[in-house]
Amino acid sequence: MLQIVFNVISAAEISQLETLQQLELLDAFRVTEDDLEHLEDDRFGRLDRDGKTLYRFRSADWRFYFEVAEGKVIVHRILHKNTFQDFLFRARLPVGEDEELAQSKQFWRLIDEGRNAKSVR
C-alpha cells in the first residue's frame, strides 16, 4: 500500500463531510501499485495529459483525483460525482467519464489548483 497525502484543497473538501462519511470514504480509499498497473477494478480510472498521469478512484458518490509520485498517492481533489456528471449530461458527449474529463480544460484547472496547493502532513 502506498502512503496517501492530501493537499489543503482535498483535505478541506473531505472535511466538509460528516465524520462517519469521511471515515467510510477513507476506509474505502486503498491504493496499491498493482491496482494502478492493471486498472481492472471499476473503481479506478486513468487520465493522461501532457505526459502526466492522473488517476481517479470512485467511492460511493465521490471521486478522488490523484497522482503517484515518489511512492506517495497525492490527492489533488475529492469531488461529488454530480460535479462532472452534470457537465457530461449538458455536453451530451458519447464517451466515458474518464475520456471526457481528460479533454476538459475546466477539469484540469481544478486539478492544477489542487496540484499547486500545499500538502497536509
N, C-alpha and C. Protein backbone atom coordinates (compact mmCIF):
# COMPACT_ATOMS: atom_id res chain seq x y z
N MET A 1 0.85 -1.18 0.00
CA MET A 1 0.00 0.00 0.00
C MET A 1 0.89 1.24 0.00
N LEU A 2 0.45 2.25 -0.71
CA LEU A 2 1.20 3.50 -0.84
C LEU A 2 0.74 4.50 0.22
N GLN A 3 1.64 5.39 0.62
CA GLN A 3 1.29 6.45 1.56
C GLN A 3 0.37 7.44 0.86
N ILE A 4 -0.68 7.89 1.54
CA ILE A 4 -1.64 8.82 0.97
C ILE A 4 -1.43 10.19 1.60
N VAL A 5 -1.29 11.21 0.73
CA VAL A 5 -1.06 12.58 1.17
C VAL A 5 -2.17 13.45 0.57
N PHE A 6 -2.82 14.24 1.40
CA PHE A 6 -3.85 15.17 0.95
C PHE A 6 -3.25 16.58 0.91
N ASN A 7 -3.59 17.34 -0.14
CA ASN A 7 -3.20 18.74 -0.13
C ASN A 7 -4.27 19.52 0.63
N VAL A 8 -4.06 20.80 0.82
CA VAL A 8 -5.00 21.58 1.62
C VAL A 8 -6.39 21.63 0.99
N ILE A 9 -6.46 21.62 -0.33
CA ILE A 9 -7.76 21.67 -1.00
C ILE A 9 -8.52 20.36 -0.81
N SER A 10 -7.87 19.22 -1.07
CA SER A 10 -8.57 17.94 -0.91
C SER A 10 -8.90 17.67 0.56
N ALA A 11 -8.03 18.10 1.48
CA ALA A 11 -8.32 17.95 2.91
C ALA A 11 -9.54 18.77 3.29
N ALA A 12 -9.64 19.98 2.75
CA ALA A 12 -10.80 20.83 3.02
C ALA A 12 -12.07 20.22 2.43
N GLU A 13 -11.96 19.63 1.23
CA GLU A 13 -13.13 19.04 0.60
C GLU A 13 -13.67 17.88 1.42
N ILE A 14 -12.79 17.02 1.91
CA ILE A 14 -13.27 15.87 2.68
C ILE A 14 -13.72 16.29 4.08
N SER A 15 -13.13 17.35 4.62
CA SER A 15 -13.51 17.78 5.97
C SER A 15 -14.90 18.39 6.01
N GLN A 16 -15.46 18.74 4.87
CA GLN A 16 -16.82 19.28 4.82
C GLN A 16 -17.87 18.19 4.98
N LEU A 17 -17.47 16.93 4.88
CA LEU A 17 -18.40 15.82 5.02
C LEU A 17 -18.59 15.47 6.49
N GLU A 18 -19.66 14.77 6.78
CA GLU A 18 -19.89 14.29 8.13
C GLU A 18 -18.79 13.30 8.50
N THR A 19 -18.47 13.21 9.77
CA THR A 19 -17.36 12.38 10.24
C THR A 19 -17.51 10.93 9.80
N LEU A 20 -18.68 10.35 9.94
CA LEU A 20 -18.89 8.95 9.55
C LEU A 20 -18.66 8.76 8.06
N GLN A 21 -19.12 9.70 7.26
CA GLN A 21 -18.92 9.61 5.81
C GLN A 21 -17.43 9.75 5.47
N GLN A 22 -16.72 10.62 6.16
CA GLN A 22 -15.28 10.74 5.96
C GLN A 22 -14.58 9.42 6.23
N LEU A 23 -14.93 8.80 7.36
CA LEU A 23 -14.31 7.53 7.73
C LEU A 23 -14.60 6.43 6.71
N GLU A 24 -15.83 6.38 6.22
CA GLU A 24 -16.19 5.38 5.22
C GLU A 24 -15.40 5.59 3.92
N LEU A 25 -15.29 6.84 3.48
CA LEU A 25 -14.54 7.13 2.25
C LEU A 25 -13.06 6.80 2.41
N LEU A 26 -12.49 7.21 3.53
CA LEU A 26 -11.07 6.95 3.74
C LEU A 26 -10.78 5.46 3.91
N ASP A 27 -11.71 4.74 4.49
CA ASP A 27 -11.54 3.30 4.62
C ASP A 27 -11.57 2.62 3.26
N ALA A 28 -12.42 3.12 2.36
CA ALA A 28 -12.53 2.54 1.02
C ALA A 28 -11.36 2.91 0.12
N PHE A 29 -10.73 4.03 0.39
CA PHE A 29 -9.66 4.55 -0.48
C PHE A 29 -8.34 3.85 -0.18
N ARG A 30 -8.19 2.70 -0.76
CA ARG A 30 -6.97 1.91 -0.63
C ARG A 30 -6.38 1.77 -2.04
N VAL A 31 -5.12 2.11 -2.15
CA VAL A 31 -4.47 2.10 -3.45
C VAL A 31 -3.17 1.32 -3.36
N THR A 32 -3.04 0.33 -4.24
CA THR A 32 -1.79 -0.41 -4.33
C THR A 32 -1.19 -0.18 -5.72
N GLU A 33 0.07 -0.46 -5.84
CA GLU A 33 0.72 -0.33 -7.15
C GLU A 33 0.09 -1.27 -8.16
N ASP A 34 -0.34 -2.45 -7.71
CA ASP A 34 -0.99 -3.41 -8.59
C ASP A 34 -2.31 -2.84 -9.14
N ASP A 35 -3.09 -2.15 -8.29
CA ASP A 35 -4.33 -1.52 -8.75
C ASP A 35 -4.05 -0.57 -9.91
N LEU A 36 -2.99 0.21 -9.78
CA LEU A 36 -2.69 1.23 -10.78
C LEU A 36 -2.06 0.66 -12.04
N GLU A 37 -1.40 -0.47 -11.93
CA GLU A 37 -0.81 -1.09 -13.11
C GLU A 37 -1.85 -1.79 -13.97
N HIS A 38 -2.89 -2.33 -13.36
CA HIS A 38 -3.86 -3.12 -14.11
C HIS A 38 -5.19 -2.42 -14.35
N LEU A 39 -5.61 -1.55 -13.47
CA LEU A 39 -6.86 -0.79 -13.61
C LEU A 39 -8.04 -1.66 -14.03
N GLU A 40 -8.08 -2.89 -13.52
CA GLU A 40 -9.17 -3.80 -13.87
C GLU A 40 -10.40 -3.56 -13.02
N ASP A 41 -10.23 -2.89 -11.91
CA ASP A 41 -11.30 -2.60 -10.99
C ASP A 41 -12.03 -1.36 -11.48
N ASP A 42 -13.36 -1.40 -11.52
CA ASP A 42 -14.15 -0.25 -11.99
C ASP A 42 -13.99 0.98 -11.10
N ARG A 43 -13.47 0.80 -9.90
CA ARG A 43 -13.29 1.94 -9.01
C ARG A 43 -12.19 2.87 -9.51
N PHE A 44 -11.27 2.35 -10.32
CA PHE A 44 -10.13 3.14 -10.77
C PHE A 44 -10.26 3.54 -12.23
N GLY A 45 -9.72 4.71 -12.55
CA GLY A 45 -9.63 5.17 -13.92
C GLY A 45 -8.32 5.92 -14.08
N ARG A 46 -7.98 6.19 -15.32
CA ARG A 46 -6.71 6.86 -15.62
C ARG A 46 -6.95 7.95 -16.65
N LEU A 47 -6.35 9.11 -16.40
CA LEU A 47 -6.44 10.23 -17.33
C LEU A 47 -5.01 10.68 -17.62
N ASP A 48 -4.71 10.93 -18.88
CA ASP A 48 -3.38 11.35 -19.27
C ASP A 48 -3.44 12.71 -19.95
N ARG A 49 -2.44 13.55 -19.63
CA ARG A 49 -2.32 14.85 -20.29
C ARG A 49 -0.87 15.30 -20.24
N ASP A 50 -0.36 15.67 -21.37
CA ASP A 50 1.00 16.20 -21.48
C ASP A 50 2.03 15.29 -20.81
N GLY A 51 1.88 13.99 -20.99
CA GLY A 51 2.83 13.05 -20.43
C GLY A 51 2.68 12.79 -18.95
N LYS A 52 1.68 13.37 -18.31
CA LYS A 52 1.44 13.15 -16.89
C LYS A 52 0.20 12.29 -16.71
N THR A 53 0.22 11.46 -15.68
CA THR A 53 -0.89 10.57 -15.42
C THR A 53 -1.60 10.98 -14.15
N LEU A 54 -2.92 11.05 -14.24
CA LEU A 54 -3.77 11.32 -13.10
C LEU A 54 -4.71 10.13 -12.98
N TYR A 55 -4.97 9.70 -11.75
CA TYR A 55 -5.85 8.58 -11.51
C TYR A 55 -7.14 9.06 -10.86
N ARG A 56 -8.20 8.27 -11.06
CA ARG A 56 -9.49 8.52 -10.45
C ARG A 56 -9.88 7.30 -9.65
N PHE A 57 -10.38 7.53 -8.45
CA PHE A 57 -10.89 6.46 -7.61
C PHE A 57 -12.34 6.79 -7.26
N ARG A 58 -13.25 5.85 -7.51
CA ARG A 58 -14.66 6.05 -7.19
C ARG A 58 -14.99 5.36 -5.87
N SER A 59 -15.68 6.08 -5.02
CA SER A 59 -16.18 5.51 -3.78
C SER A 59 -17.55 6.13 -3.51
N ALA A 60 -18.57 5.31 -3.58
CA ALA A 60 -19.95 5.79 -3.42
C ALA A 60 -20.19 6.93 -4.42
N ASP A 61 -20.58 8.10 -3.96
CA ASP A 61 -20.86 9.23 -4.84
C ASP A 61 -19.68 10.18 -4.98
N TRP A 62 -18.51 9.75 -4.58
CA TRP A 62 -17.35 10.62 -4.55
C TRP A 62 -16.25 10.14 -5.47
N ARG A 63 -15.45 11.09 -5.96
CA ARG A 63 -14.33 10.80 -6.85
C ARG A 63 -13.07 11.43 -6.25
N PHE A 64 -12.04 10.61 -6.07
CA PHE A 64 -10.73 11.08 -5.64
C PHE A 64 -9.88 11.20 -6.89
N TYR A 65 -9.26 12.33 -7.12
CA TYR A 65 -8.36 12.52 -8.25
C TYR A 65 -6.96 12.69 -7.69
N PHE A 66 -6.03 11.82 -8.12
CA PHE A 66 -4.71 11.80 -7.51
C PHE A 66 -3.65 11.39 -8.51
N GLU A 67 -2.40 11.66 -8.12
CA GLU A 67 -1.27 11.17 -8.89
C GLU A 67 -0.36 10.42 -7.94
N VAL A 68 0.56 9.66 -8.51
CA VAL A 68 1.53 8.92 -7.72
C VAL A 68 2.91 9.49 -8.03
N ALA A 69 3.61 9.90 -6.97
CA ALA A 69 4.94 10.46 -7.12
C ALA A 69 5.78 10.06 -5.92
N GLU A 70 6.96 9.57 -6.17
CA GLU A 70 7.90 9.21 -5.12
C GLU A 70 7.28 8.27 -4.09
N GLY A 71 6.52 7.29 -4.57
CA GLY A 71 5.93 6.30 -3.69
C GLY A 71 4.76 6.80 -2.86
N LYS A 72 4.21 7.96 -3.22
CA LYS A 72 3.09 8.53 -2.48
C LYS A 72 1.91 8.76 -3.41
N VAL A 73 0.71 8.59 -2.87
CA VAL A 73 -0.51 8.95 -3.56
C VAL A 73 -0.82 10.38 -3.11
N ILE A 74 -0.79 11.31 -4.05
CA ILE A 74 -1.04 12.71 -3.73
C ILE A 74 -2.43 13.06 -4.23
N VAL A 75 -3.35 13.27 -3.30
CA VAL A 75 -4.75 13.55 -3.63
C VAL A 75 -4.89 15.04 -3.91
N HIS A 76 -5.33 15.36 -5.15
CA HIS A 76 -5.49 16.74 -5.56
C HIS A 76 -6.89 17.26 -5.32
N ARG A 77 -7.89 16.43 -5.58
CA ARG A 77 -9.28 16.86 -5.40
C ARG A 77 -10.13 15.67 -4.97
N ILE A 78 -11.20 15.97 -4.21
CA ILE A 78 -12.23 14.99 -3.87
C ILE A 78 -13.55 15.68 -4.22
N LEU A 79 -14.22 15.15 -5.24
CA LEU A 79 -15.41 15.81 -5.77
C LEU A 79 -16.60 14.86 -5.80
N HIS A 80 -17.78 15.40 -5.63
CA HIS A 80 -19.00 14.63 -5.73
C HIS A 80 -19.23 14.27 -7.19
N LYS A 81 -19.77 13.09 -7.43
CA LYS A 81 -19.93 12.63 -8.82
C LYS A 81 -20.77 13.57 -9.67
N ASN A 82 -21.75 14.23 -9.09
CA ASN A 82 -22.61 15.11 -9.89
C ASN A 82 -21.89 16.31 -10.44
N THR A 83 -20.75 16.62 -9.90
CA THR A 83 -19.97 17.75 -10.41
C THR A 83 -19.68 17.57 -11.89
N PHE A 84 -19.24 16.38 -12.27
CA PHE A 84 -18.92 16.14 -13.68
C PHE A 84 -20.03 15.39 -14.42
N GLN A 85 -20.86 14.69 -13.70
CA GLN A 85 -21.98 14.01 -14.36
C GLN A 85 -22.90 15.05 -15.01
N ASP A 86 -23.18 16.13 -14.29
CA ASP A 86 -24.00 17.20 -14.86
C ASP A 86 -23.33 17.80 -16.10
N PHE A 87 -22.02 17.99 -16.03
CA PHE A 87 -21.28 18.51 -17.17
C PHE A 87 -21.43 17.58 -18.38
N LEU A 88 -21.26 16.29 -18.16
CA LEU A 88 -21.37 15.35 -19.28
C LEU A 88 -22.77 15.32 -19.85
N PHE A 89 -23.78 15.40 -19.00
CA PHE A 89 -25.15 15.40 -19.48
C PHE A 89 -25.42 16.63 -20.34
N ARG A 90 -24.98 17.79 -19.87
CA ARG A 90 -25.22 19.02 -20.63
C ARG A 90 -24.47 19.01 -21.95
N ALA A 91 -23.29 18.42 -21.96
CA ALA A 91 -22.48 18.39 -23.18
C ALA A 91 -22.95 17.31 -24.14
N ARG A 92 -23.72 16.33 -23.62
CA ARG A 92 -24.24 15.20 -24.43
C ARG A 92 -23.14 14.50 -25.20
N LEU A 93 -22.10 14.17 -24.50
CA LEU A 93 -20.96 13.53 -25.14
C LEU A 93 -21.06 12.02 -25.05
N PRO A 94 -20.78 11.31 -26.13
CA PRO A 94 -20.97 9.86 -26.17
C PRO A 94 -19.77 9.06 -25.66
N VAL A 95 -18.88 9.67 -24.90
CA VAL A 95 -17.72 8.95 -24.41
C VAL A 95 -17.83 8.77 -22.90
N GLY A 96 -16.95 7.94 -22.35
CA GLY A 96 -16.96 7.68 -20.93
C GLY A 96 -16.47 8.86 -20.12
N GLU A 97 -16.73 8.78 -18.82
CA GLU A 97 -16.38 9.87 -17.90
C GLU A 97 -14.90 10.20 -17.94
N ASP A 98 -14.04 9.18 -17.85
CA ASP A 98 -12.60 9.44 -17.82
C ASP A 98 -12.10 10.06 -19.12
N GLU A 99 -12.58 9.57 -20.25
CA GLU A 99 -12.13 10.10 -21.53
C GLU A 99 -12.54 11.56 -21.69
N GLU A 100 -13.76 11.88 -21.26
CA GLU A 100 -14.23 13.25 -21.40
C GLU A 100 -13.49 14.18 -20.45
N LEU A 101 -13.26 13.73 -19.24
CA LEU A 101 -12.54 14.56 -18.28
C LEU A 101 -11.14 14.88 -18.78
N ALA A 102 -10.50 13.91 -19.42
CA ALA A 102 -9.15 14.12 -19.93
C ALA A 102 -9.11 15.26 -20.96
N GLN A 103 -10.25 15.54 -21.59
CA GLN A 103 -10.32 16.59 -22.61
C GLN A 103 -10.85 17.92 -22.06
N SER A 104 -11.29 17.95 -20.81
CA SER A 104 -11.93 19.13 -20.25
C SER A 104 -10.92 20.10 -19.64
N LYS A 105 -10.85 21.31 -20.17
CA LYS A 105 -9.94 22.32 -19.62
C LYS A 105 -10.36 22.72 -18.21
N GLN A 106 -11.68 22.78 -17.95
CA GLN A 106 -12.15 23.15 -16.62
C GLN A 106 -11.72 22.11 -15.58
N PHE A 107 -11.79 20.84 -15.95
CA PHE A 107 -11.38 19.78 -15.03
C PHE A 107 -9.90 19.93 -14.70
N TRP A 108 -9.05 20.16 -15.70
CA TRP A 108 -7.61 20.26 -15.47
C TRP A 108 -7.27 21.51 -14.66
N ARG A 109 -8.08 22.57 -14.78
CA ARG A 109 -7.85 23.74 -13.93
C ARG A 109 -8.07 23.37 -12.46
N LEU A 110 -9.12 22.59 -12.18
CA LEU A 110 -9.36 22.13 -10.81
C LEU A 110 -8.20 21.28 -10.31
N ILE A 111 -7.72 20.39 -11.15
CA ILE A 111 -6.62 19.51 -10.76
C ILE A 111 -5.34 20.31 -10.55
N ASP A 112 -5.05 21.24 -11.46
CA ASP A 112 -3.84 22.05 -11.31
C ASP A 112 -3.90 22.90 -10.05
N GLU A 113 -5.08 23.38 -9.71
CA GLU A 113 -5.25 24.13 -8.47
C GLU A 113 -4.89 23.24 -7.27
N GLY A 114 -5.36 21.99 -7.31
CA GLY A 114 -5.02 21.05 -6.26
C GLY A 114 -3.55 20.67 -6.27
N ARG A 115 -3.00 20.50 -7.45
CA ARG A 115 -1.59 20.14 -7.60
C ARG A 115 -0.67 21.21 -7.02
N ASN A 116 -1.08 22.46 -7.15
CA ASN A 116 -0.28 23.58 -6.69
C ASN A 116 -0.49 23.93 -5.22
N ALA A 117 -1.46 23.27 -4.58
CA ALA A 117 -1.74 23.54 -3.17
C ALA A 117 -0.73 22.83 -2.29
N LYS A 118 -0.53 23.33 -1.11
CA LYS A 118 0.38 22.72 -0.16
C LYS A 118 -0.18 21.40 0.32
N SER A 119 0.70 20.47 0.64
CA SER A 119 0.29 19.17 1.18
C SER A 119 0.05 19.29 2.66
N VAL A 120 -0.92 18.52 3.14
CA VAL A 120 -1.19 18.42 4.57
C VAL A 120 -0.41 17.25 5.09
N ARG A 121 0.39 17.43 6.10
CA ARG A 121 1.21 16.33 6.62
C ARG A 121 0.89 16.06 8.05
